[in-house]
């Protein structure tokens, strides 16, 4: 069964950057539409950014201008470049595609 694997999380100071990656465990699974979600401690999971099958990218307002979703077709990987990170971006970040969820990667923004 295919899985989605996230990586790239870590501890970063406010104003810093991280790049998250999401790739399937099997290359037979093509990521043509997907979404990044995050869940902060004690809070609900919320969508952060979405790539539609038509190629449109939609961001939640709180990350517009700071986060960039991109796809590397050659490597069948989707990235979330996160810039100017803020403490409120601290959360576990998940990627999902076609009903499959990854295990998430932890992002902590703290000085």
Foldseek 3Di string as FASTA:
>chain_A
DKAKAKDWADEAAQQAKIKMKIAIPDPVDAFQKKWKWWDAPPGDIGTAWIQDNVGDIDGDPVQPPFWDWDADRVRSMIMIIGGRDDQVVFTWMWMDGPHHIHPTDGHGYHD
